[in-house]
Amino acid sequence: MTKLLEWVSVLSAIFAVWYSLVGGYVKHPLIEKNMNLVMISPLIFVILFGLYAVTVVLYRVFTFNNCEEAARELQDEIKEAKRDLREKGLEL
């Protein structure tokens, strides 16, 4: 199962439950008492998902590994390529 199919399945199940609560198909005093919260719950979930996404992105940015050795190796290869091009008559 692909990730997209997983997300669509979960969102469909959540939407079905929410729609049954809003449509009045499920009767319970607790649901009727908190109908305002049920109505704005999609907005709450979108805000919580946004906070989660920002947190994950910031965490991965702050814990990103620097590759000092690879950077030095790349700089050496650039210098070697420039030197090789100068030997062949190309001016940089």
Protein backbone atom coordinates (compact mmCIF):
# COMPACT_ATOMS: atom_id res chain seq x y z
CA MET A 1 0.00 0.00 0.00
CA THR A 2 1.43 3.35 -0.97
CA LYS A 3 1.68 6.24 1.44
CA LEU A 4 -0.94 8.20 -0.51
CA LEU A 5 -3.40 5.34 -0.24
CA GLU A 6 -2.75 5.10 3.49
CA TRP A 7 -3.42 8.83 3.97
CA VAL A 8 -6.57 8.72 1.83
CA SER A 9 -7.88 5.71 3.75
CA VAL A 10 -7.30 7.30 7.16
CA LEU A 11 -8.76 10.65 6.08
CA SER A 12 -11.79 8.91 4.60
CA ALA A 13 -12.42 7.02 7.83
CA ILE A 14 -12.06 10.20 9.90
CA PHE A 15 -14.37 12.10 7.54
CA ALA A 16 -16.97 9.31 7.72
CA VAL A 17 -16.99 9.43 11.52
CA TRP A 18 -17.16 13.23 11.55
CA TYR A 19 -19.98 13.27 8.99
CA SER A 20 -22.00 10.72 10.96
CA LEU A 21 -21.63 12.86 14.09
CA VAL A 22 -22.57 16.10 12.32
CA GLY A 23 -25.40 14.51 10.35
CA GLY A 24 -27.04 13.21 13.50
CA TYR A 25 -26.70 9.53 12.64
CA VAL A 26 -25.11 8.87 16.03
CA LYS A 27 -27.20 9.90 19.01
CA HIS A 28 -25.50 10.35 22.36
CA PRO A 29 -25.95 13.03 25.02
CA LEU A 30 -22.21 13.72 25.16
CA ILE A 31 -22.10 14.35 21.40
CA GLU A 32 -25.14 16.62 21.50
CA LYS A 33 -23.64 18.52 24.43
CA ASN A 34 -20.34 19.12 22.59
CA MET A 35 -21.66 19.67 19.04
CA ASN A 36 -19.77 22.99 18.72
CA LEU A 37 -16.49 21.17 19.32
CA VAL A 38 -17.46 18.48 16.81
CA MET A 39 -18.23 21.13 14.20
CA ILE A 40 -14.84 22.86 14.47
CA SER A 41 -12.80 19.67 14.96
CA PRO A 42 -11.58 19.60 11.29
CA LEU A 43 -10.12 23.08 11.77
CA ILE A 44 -8.47 21.97 15.00
CA PHE A 45 -6.97 18.92 13.28
CA VAL A 46 -5.58 21.05 10.43
CA ILE A 47 -3.95 23.43 12.93
CA LEU A 48 -2.49 20.52 14.91
CA PHE A 49 -1.16 18.92 11.73
CA GLY A 50 0.46 22.22 10.75
CA LEU A 51 2.15 22.49 14.15
CA TYR A 52 3.36 18.90 13.84
CA ALA A 53 4.75 19.55 10.34
CA VAL A 54 6.58 22.72 11.45
CA THR A 55 8.01 20.89 14.45
CA VAL A 56 9.29 18.00 12.33
CA VAL A 57 10.86 20.33 9.75
CA LEU A 58 12.57 22.46 12.40
CA TYR A 59 13.84 19.39 14.27
CA ARG A 60 15.33 17.91 11.09
CA VAL A 61 16.91 21.24 10.12
CA PHE A 62 18.53 21.67 13.55
CA THR A 63 19.81 18.07 13.65
CA PHE A 64 21.12 18.07 10.06
CA ASN A 65 24.62 16.62 9.91
CA ASN A 66 27.40 18.71 8.40
CA CYS A 67 29.77 16.81 6.15
CA GLU A 68 33.04 18.67 6.66
CA GLU A 69 35.09 15.90 5.09
CA ALA A 70 32.90 15.76 1.97
CA ALA A 71 33.01 19.56 1.65
CA ARG A 72 36.83 19.55 1.76
CA GLU A 73 36.95 16.76 -0.80
CA LEU A 74 34.61 18.68 -3.10
CA GLN A 75 36.72 21.85 -2.79
CA ASP A 76 39.84 19.84 -3.66
CA GLU A 77 38.11 18.41 -6.73
CA ILE A 78 37.08 21.92 -7.83
CA LYS A 79 40.67 23.15 -7.48
CA GLU A 80 41.94 20.14 -9.43
CA ALA A 81 39.39 20.73 -12.22
CA LYS A 82 40.36 24.43 -12.46
CA ARG A 83 44.03 23.50 -12.62
CA ASP A 84 43.31 20.93 -15.33
CA LEU A 85 41.32 23.44 -17.37
CA ARG A 86 44.10 26.05 -17.08
CA GLU A 87 46.61 23.48 -18.38
CA LYS A 88 44.38 22.90 -21.38
CA GLY A 89 44.28 26.64 -22.13
CA LEU A 90 40.89 27.68 -20.72
CA GLU A 91 40.99 30.89 -18.69
CA LEU A 92 38.60 31.17 -15.75
